[in-house]
């Protein structure tokens, strides 16, 4: 059950089960745990999108990798861009009660890794992302659609031409 039991009992990842649910019922909620991890991964992808990171992908690596459930992979344009996006992501997550387990590569900011336990965020500069090729390494894992059906497509992704009005 890897980290599930620890997390359900108030572990490091910051996600909690509903109040009033006793430990005897926690096994029932393990099925819903992956949905919580997916929601966290999608939230992270949206925050990174708002910070203008590019080529954002959410990979479901839970069946292939036993240490985490999801990877969120994104690219930034400069080291300063990656640092700013990392800071904003961590600030938003801290405000929502989600704590990070660790962060690596922040100083150099070529590849910043943020460990949220069930979700691992990989922020790359373009050349580092192509060099390491995580999408190819985990190519057999399914990609998660992080833009929900109820949410509108972001304007930056649509980029429709302006309508012409003829008189």
Protein backbone atom coordinates (compact mmCIF):
# COMPACT_ATOMS: atom_id res chain seq x y z
CA UNK A 1 0.00 0.00 0.00
CA UNK A 2 3.13 2.21 -0.22
CA UNK A 3 2.48 5.69 1.15
CA UNK A 4 -1.33 5.50 1.05
CA UNK A 5 -1.90 4.59 4.68
CA UNK A 6 0.50 7.26 5.91
CA UNK A 7 -1.13 9.89 3.72
CA UNK A 8 -4.66 8.92 4.70
CA UNK A 9 -3.76 9.25 8.35
CA UNK A 10 -2.49 12.82 7.82
CA UNK A 11 0.86 12.14 6.18
CA UNK A 12 3.33 14.46 4.51
CA UNK A 13 1.51 15.08 1.23
CA UNK A 14 -1.12 17.26 2.88
CA UNK A 15 -4.18 15.60 1.37
CA UNK A 16 -6.63 14.43 4.01
CA UNK A 17 -9.67 12.19 4.01
CA UNK A 18 -13.03 13.62 5.07
CA UNK A 19 -13.47 14.31 8.80
CA UNK A 20 -15.28 11.62 10.75
CA UNK A 21 -13.92 8.68 8.79
CA UNK A 22 -12.35 6.17 11.15
CA UNK A 23 -9.25 4.11 10.46
CA UNK A 24 -11.38 1.00 9.94
CA UNK A 25 -12.99 2.63 6.89
CA UNK A 26 -9.76 3.91 5.34
CA UNK A 27 -9.36 0.87 3.08
CA UNK A 28 -12.62 1.83 1.36
CA UNK A 29 -11.13 5.22 0.55
CA UNK A 30 -7.93 3.85 -0.98
CA UNK A 31 -9.82 3.49 -4.26
CA UNK A 32 -10.52 7.23 -4.20
CA UNK A 33 -6.92 8.09 -3.33
CA UNK A 34 -5.76 7.90 -6.94
CA UNK A 35 -8.54 10.33 -7.90
CA UNK A 36 -7.15 12.74 -5.29
CA UNK A 37 -3.66 12.36 -6.75
CA UNK A 38 -5.02 12.99 -10.25
CA UNK A 39 -6.78 16.14 -9.02
CA UNK A 40 -3.54 17.37 -7.45
CA UNK A 41 -1.64 16.69 -10.69
CA UNK A 42 -4.25 18.58 -12.72
CA UNK A 43 -4.17 21.49 -10.28
CA UNK A 44 -0.38 21.67 -10.62
CA UNK A 45 -0.67 21.62 -14.42
CA UNK A 46 -3.16 24.51 -14.33
CA UNK A 47 -0.93 26.56 -12.02
CA UNK A 48 2.04 25.96 -14.32
CA UNK A 49 -0.08 26.97 -17.32
CA UNK A 50 -1.03 30.21 -15.57
CA UNK A 51 2.70 30.83 -15.10
CA UNK A 52 3.20 30.48 -18.86
CA UNK A 53 5.11 27.21 -18.90
CA UNK A 54 4.86 25.31 -22.18
CA UNK A 55 4.19 21.76 -23.35
CA UNK A 56 2.61 20.67 -20.07
CA UNK A 57 1.98 16.93 -19.80
CA UNK A 58 0.52 14.84 -17.00
CA UNK A 59 1.59 11.18 -17.08
CA UNK A 60 -0.04 8.42 -15.04
CA UNK A 61 3.03 6.44 -13.92
CA UNK A 62 1.34 4.68 -10.97
CA UNK A 63 1.22 1.25 -12.62
CA UNK A 64 4.83 1.42 -13.79
CA UNK A 65 6.49 3.17 -10.88
CA UNK A 66 5.89 2.37 -7.23
CA UNK A 67 7.13 5.59 -5.68
CA UNK A 68 4.58 8.02 -7.16
CA UNK A 69 1.36 8.08 -9.16
CA UNK A 70 1.74 11.03 -11.55
CA UNK A 71 4.43 13.05 -13.29
CA UNK A 72 3.70 16.61 -14.37
CA UNK A 73 6.25 17.70 -16.98
CA UNK A 74 6.57 21.26 -18.30
CA UNK A 75 9.10 23.52 -20.04
CA UNK A 76 10.18 27.05 -19.25
CA UNK A 77 12.16 29.55 -21.28
CA UNK A 78 14.86 30.63 -18.80
CA UNK A 79 16.20 29.60 -15.38
CA UNK A 80 14.49 32.64 -13.86
CA UNK A 81 11.19 31.54 -15.45
CA UNK A 82 11.52 28.06 -13.89
CA UNK A 83 12.34 29.51 -10.47
CA UNK A 84 9.39 31.91 -10.58
CA UNK A 85 7.00 29.14 -11.67
CA UNK A 86 8.36 26.83 -8.92
CA UNK A 87 7.89 29.53 -6.30
CA UNK A 88 4.34 30.28 -7.45
CA UNK A 89 3.41 26.58 -7.58
CA UNK A 90 4.73 25.98 -4.06
CA UNK A 91 2.99 29.10 -2.74
CA UNK A 92 -0.36 27.99 -4.18
CA UNK A 93 0.05 24.45 -2.87
CA UNK A 94 1.07 25.69 0.58
CA UNK A 95 -2.05 27.88 0.72
CA UNK A 96 -4.20 24.84 -0.12
CA UNK A 97 -2.51 22.77 2.61
CA UNK A 98 -0.37 20.56 0.38
CA UNK A 99 3.23 20.26 1.48
CA UNK A 100 6.22 19.29 -0.62
CA UNK A 101 8.51 16.45 0.39
CA UNK A 102 11.52 17.80 -1.46
CA UNK A 103 12.87 19.99 -4.22
CA UNK A 104 15.96 19.42 -6.36
CA UNK A 105 17.75 21.48 -8.99
CA UNK A 106 16.32 24.83 -7.95
CA UNK A 107 19.67 26.61 -7.75
CA UNK A 108 20.77 25.74 -11.32
CA UNK A 109 17.18 25.73 -12.65
CA UNK A 110 17.85 23.56 -15.69
CA UNK A 111 15.69 20.74 -14.32
CA UNK A 112 13.66 21.49 -11.19
CA UNK A 113 12.06 18.47 -9.52
CA UNK A 114 9.35 19.02 -6.90
CA UNK A 115 8.26 15.95 -4.93
CA UNK A 116 4.69 16.07 -3.61
CA UNK A 117 4.68 12.35 -2.72
CA UNK A 118 1.96 11.05 -5.08
CA UNK A 119 2.79 13.68 -7.73
CA UNK A 120 6.27 14.61 -8.95
CA UNK A 121 6.70 17.85 -10.91
CA UNK A 122 9.50 18.08 -13.51
CA UNK A 123 10.23 21.60 -14.81
CA UNK A 124 12.79 21.75 -17.62
CA UNK A 125 14.60 24.21 -19.80
CA UNK A 126 13.96 23.19 -23.41
CA UNK A 127 17.37 21.65 -24.09
CA UNK A 128 17.34 19.69 -20.80
CA UNK A 129 13.89 18.30 -21.52
CA UNK A 130 14.89 17.00 -24.93
CA UNK A 131 18.17 15.59 -23.54
CA UNK A 132 16.53 13.58 -20.73
CA UNK A 133 13.39 12.65 -22.69
CA UNK A 134 11.12 11.63 -19.83
CA UNK A 135 8.15 11.33 -22.18
CA UNK A 136 10.07 8.71 -24.17
CA UNK A 137 11.27 6.92 -21.06
CA UNK A 138 7.72 6.67 -19.70
CA UNK A 139 6.08 6.43 -23.14
CA UNK A 140 4.03 3.38 -22.21
CA UNK A 141 2.21 5.36 -19.48
CA UNK A 142 -1.08 7.02 -20.27
CA UNK A 143 -1.37 10.79 -20.59
CA UNK A 144 -3.98 12.47 -18.41
CA UNK A 145 -6.11 15.25 -19.87
CA UNK A 146 -5.62 18.10 -17.40
CA UNK A 147 -8.10 20.53 -18.92
CA UNK A 148 -11.44 19.34 -17.54
CA UNK A 149 -14.52 19.11 -19.77
CA UNK A 150 -16.29 21.75 -17.71
CA UNK A 151 -13.45 24.25 -17.91
CA UNK A 152 -13.02 26.45 -20.92
CA UNK A 153 -9.99 26.07 -23.14
CA UNK A 154 -7.42 28.73 -22.17
CA UNK A 155 -7.24 31.65 -24.57
CA UNK A 156 -3.48 31.15 -25.07
CA UNK A 157 -4.07 27.61 -26.29
CA UNK A 158 -6.89 28.55 -28.66
CA UNK A 159 -5.45 31.68 -30.30
CA UNK A 160 -8.34 32.28 -32.69
CA UNK A 161 -8.01 35.15 -35.19
CA UNK A 162 -10.03 38.26 -34.51
CA UNK A 163 -13.42 38.38 -36.22
CA UNK A 164 -13.79 40.82 -39.09
CA UNK A 165 -16.83 43.02 -39.25
CA UNK A 166 -17.86 44.14 -42.70
CA UNK A 167 -20.00 47.23 -43.19
